[in-house]
Amino acid sequence: MSLPPSELTRMIKARPLPGEPVVIEASAEERAALAARFGLGAVESLRAEVALEQKPRAIRATGRLRAAIMQPCAISAEDFPVTIDEPLDLRFVEDNARPAAEGDEIELEADDCDEIGYSGEMFDLGEAVAQTLGLAIDPYAEGPNADAARKAAGIVAEGEQDGPMAAMLAALRKD
């Protein structure tokens, strides 16, 4: 089964690696496609600057992802602006260099957590940046009108109570 094409494809030749940092800046069409993929109102900007370094078993990609998005509030569903500024630290490993055979037990180190397999002579740095964006989005982010939406829906926030009993307890606390 093949994966659908990425909205942000940036194929990088594994050998030789570019000597300068790779800058990935999403076009308007790519930003619209990423917004649809991640359920956002918009991706207003997306830029990543990534340095690539050849390591013995992998290609290490380090850098920074910066994006401005319009995200729906988890409470009111109204879009509100969010700025994302995330470090990137990924490892691209050739599939045939990955040591695990089925049934083998492997031990992961901290470096192995963001390991991305690739095959052939190129790897997709753009898709890795897109996935980093997806992971940086807080699915429970609350916008500026969240409290008003809660109140309109009759939802009481934790620690906040209404009614005669709440008034009596508040009066006791003041004494």
Protein backbone atom coordinates (compact mmCIF):
# COMPACT_ATOMS: atom_id res chain seq x y z
CA MET A 1 0.00 0.00 0.00
CA SER A 2 1.49 3.35 -0.97
CA LEU A 3 1.04 6.57 0.96
CA PRO A 4 -0.72 9.56 -0.59
CA PRO A 5 1.64 12.21 -1.96
CA SER A 6 2.87 14.76 0.54
CA GLU A 7 1.58 18.32 0.44
CA LEU A 8 5.13 19.57 1.09
CA THR A 9 7.54 17.42 -0.92
CA ARG A 10 11.21 18.45 -0.88
CA MET A 11 13.36 15.60 -2.09
CA ILE A 12 16.99 15.79 -0.97
CA LYS A 13 19.80 13.75 -2.53
CA ALA A 14 21.43 11.64 0.19
CA ARG A 15 24.90 11.71 -1.39
CA PRO A 16 26.42 14.21 -1.52
CA LEU A 17 24.46 16.25 1.01
CA PRO A 18 24.04 19.97 0.39
CA GLY A 19 26.75 21.94 2.21
CA GLU A 20 24.47 24.86 3.08
CA PRO A 21 21.33 24.68 5.26
CA VAL A 22 18.21 23.75 3.31
CA VAL A 23 15.41 26.32 3.49
CA ILE A 24 11.88 25.04 3.01
CA GLU A 25 9.22 27.68 2.50
CA ALA A 26 5.70 26.50 1.69
CA SER A 27 3.87 28.05 -1.25
CA ALA A 28 0.26 29.26 -0.98
CA GLU A 29 -1.00 25.99 -2.52
CA GLU A 30 1.10 23.88 -0.17
CA ARG A 31 -0.06 25.88 2.86
CA ALA A 32 -3.72 25.44 1.83
CA ALA A 33 -3.20 21.68 1.43
CA LEU A 34 -1.46 21.45 4.84
CA ALA A 35 -4.32 23.39 6.46
CA ALA A 36 -6.80 20.89 5.04
CA ARG A 37 -4.65 17.94 6.15
CA PHE A 38 -4.38 19.15 9.74
CA GLY A 39 -7.90 20.61 10.08
CA LEU A 40 -6.73 24.21 10.38
CA GLY A 41 -8.41 27.40 9.25
CA ALA A 42 -5.19 28.37 7.47
CA VAL A 43 -1.45 28.00 7.42
CA GLU A 44 -0.44 31.60 6.85
CA SER A 45 3.31 30.94 6.73
CA LEU A 46 5.64 27.99 7.08
CA ARG A 47 9.43 28.13 6.92
CA ALA A 48 12.05 25.65 8.05
CA GLU A 49 15.79 26.01 7.97
CA VAL A 50 17.55 22.66 8.25
CA ALA A 51 21.23 21.70 8.41
CA LEU A 52 22.06 18.20 7.19
CA GLU A 53 25.00 16.18 8.49
CA GLN A 54 26.20 12.74 7.44
CA LYS A 55 26.51 10.40 10.43
CA PRO A 56 27.78 6.79 10.40
CA ARG A 57 24.32 5.18 10.20
CA ALA A 58 22.10 8.13 9.33
CA ILE A 59 21.67 11.64 8.03
CA ARG A 60 20.98 14.02 10.88
CA ALA A 61 18.69 16.97 10.19
CA THR A 62 18.66 19.78 12.74
CA GLY A 63 17.12 23.20 12.55
CA ARG A 64 13.99 25.18 13.28
CA LEU A 65 10.41 25.23 12.01
CA ARG A 66 8.45 28.48 12.21
CA ALA A 67 4.82 28.75 11.19
CA ALA A 68 1.81 31.00 11.65
CA ILE A 69 -1.51 29.15 11.63
CA MET A 70 -5.19 29.81 12.23
CA GLN A 71 -6.33 27.05 14.55
CA PRO A 72 -9.86 26.23 15.66
CA CYS A 73 -10.49 26.67 19.37
CA ALA A 74 -11.16 23.35 21.13
CA ILE A 75 -14.14 24.93 22.91
CA SER A 76 -15.74 27.47 20.56
CA ALA A 77 -14.40 26.13 17.22
CA GLU A 78 -13.55 29.72 16.22
CA ASP A 79 -10.22 30.15 14.46
CA PHE A 80 -7.53 32.07 16.32
CA PRO A 81 -3.90 32.81 15.45
CA VAL A 82 -1.13 30.55 16.76
CA THR A 83 2.60 30.92 16.25
CA ILE A 84 4.69 27.76 16.10
CA ASP A 85 8.43 27.82 16.72
CA GLU A 86 9.77 24.27 17.01
CA PRO A 87 13.25 22.80 16.94
CA LEU A 88 13.87 20.03 14.40
CA ASP A 89 16.10 17.08 15.21
CA LEU A 90 15.51 14.15 12.90
CA ARG A 91 17.49 11.20 11.59
CA PHE A 92 17.00 9.75 8.13
CA VAL A 93 18.11 6.12 7.92
CA GLU A 94 18.27 3.98 4.79
CA ASP A 95 15.77 1.14 5.09
CA ASN A 96 18.45 -1.46 4.39
CA ALA A 97 20.60 0.03 7.20
CA ARG A 98 17.87 -0.44 9.77
CA PRO A 99 18.81 -3.43 11.96
CA ALA A 100 15.46 -4.87 13.02
CA ALA A 101 14.30 -8.14 11.53
CA GLU A 102 10.86 -9.42 12.43
CA GLY A 103 10.86 -10.89 15.92
CA ASP A 104 14.18 -9.32 16.88
CA GLU A 105 14.23 -7.27 20.01
CA ILE A 106 15.78 -3.82 19.69
CA GLU A 107 16.62 -1.24 22.29
CA LEU A 108 15.83 2.37 21.46
CA GLU A 109 17.94 5.27 22.57
CA ALA A 110 16.79 8.89 22.75
CA ASP A 111 18.29 9.54 19.29
CA ASP A 112 16.19 6.79 17.72
CA CYS A 113 12.81 8.32 18.51
CA ASP A 114 12.66 10.63 15.49
CA GLU A 115 14.10 8.18 13.00
CA ILE A 116 12.66 8.23 9.49
CA GLY A 117 13.37 5.46 7.03
CA TYR A 118 13.95 6.07 3.33
CA SER A 119 14.92 3.98 0.35
CA GLY A 120 16.79 4.90 -2.78
CA GLU A 121 19.05 7.88 -3.31
CA MET A 122 16.74 10.58 -1.93
CA PHE A 123 14.67 11.35 1.14
CA ASP A 124 11.71 13.71 1.61
CA LEU A 125 12.70 16.49 3.99
CA GLY A 126 9.50 18.41 3.21
CA GLU A 127 7.24 15.63 4.51
CA ALA A 128 9.32 15.44 7.68
CA VAL A 129 8.78 19.19 8.16
CA ALA A 130 5.04 18.74 7.53
CA GLN A 131 4.88 15.97 10.15
CA THR A 132 6.76 18.16 12.62
CA LEU A 133 4.16 20.87 12.06
CA GLY A 134 1.36 18.35 12.68
CA LEU A 135 2.96 17.24 15.95
CA ALA A 136 3.45 20.85 17.10
CA ILE A 137 -0.26 21.70 16.83
CA ASP A 138 -1.98 21.57 20.22
CA PRO A 139 -5.29 19.73 19.62
CA TYR A 140 -6.74 21.18 22.83
CA ALA A 141 -5.71 24.81 22.30
CA GLU A 142 -8.25 27.31 23.53
CA GLY A 143 -8.85 30.61 21.80
CA PRO A 144 -9.61 33.95 23.40
CA ASN A 145 -13.39 33.32 23.40
CA ALA A 146 -13.27 29.88 25.06
CA ASP A 147 -14.55 31.10 28.44
CA ALA A 148 -17.46 32.94 26.83
CA ALA A 149 -18.35 29.82 24.82
CA ARG A 150 -18.26 27.70 28.00
CA LYS A 151 -20.48 30.15 29.83
CA ALA A 152 -22.95 30.30 26.92
CA ALA A 153 -23.10 26.49 26.90
CA GLY A 154 -23.59 26.35 30.67
CA ILE A 155 -20.28 24.63 31.27
CA VAL A 156 -18.68 25.57 34.57
CA ALA A 157 -14.89 25.79 34.63
CA GLU A 158 -12.99 23.82 37.25
CA GLY A 159 -12.95 25.66 40.57
CA GLU A 160 -15.80 27.93 39.47
CA GLN A 161 -19.30 27.38 40.84
CA ASP A 162 -22.57 29.30 40.54
CA GLY A 163 -25.65 29.15 42.67
CA PRO A 164 -26.71 29.73 46.29
CA MET A 165 -24.43 27.08 47.77
CA ALA A 166 -21.40 28.53 45.97
CA ALA A 167 -22.28 31.97 47.35
CA MET A 168 -22.48 30.60 50.91
CA LEU A 169 -19.14 28.82 50.56
CA ALA A 170 -17.55 31.97 49.17
CA ALA A 171 -18.86 33.97 52.14
CA LEU A 172 -17.35 31.40 54.54
CA ARG A 173 -13.96 31.65 52.80
CA LYS A 174 -13.90 35.44 53.23
CA ASP A 175 -14.24 35.17 57.03
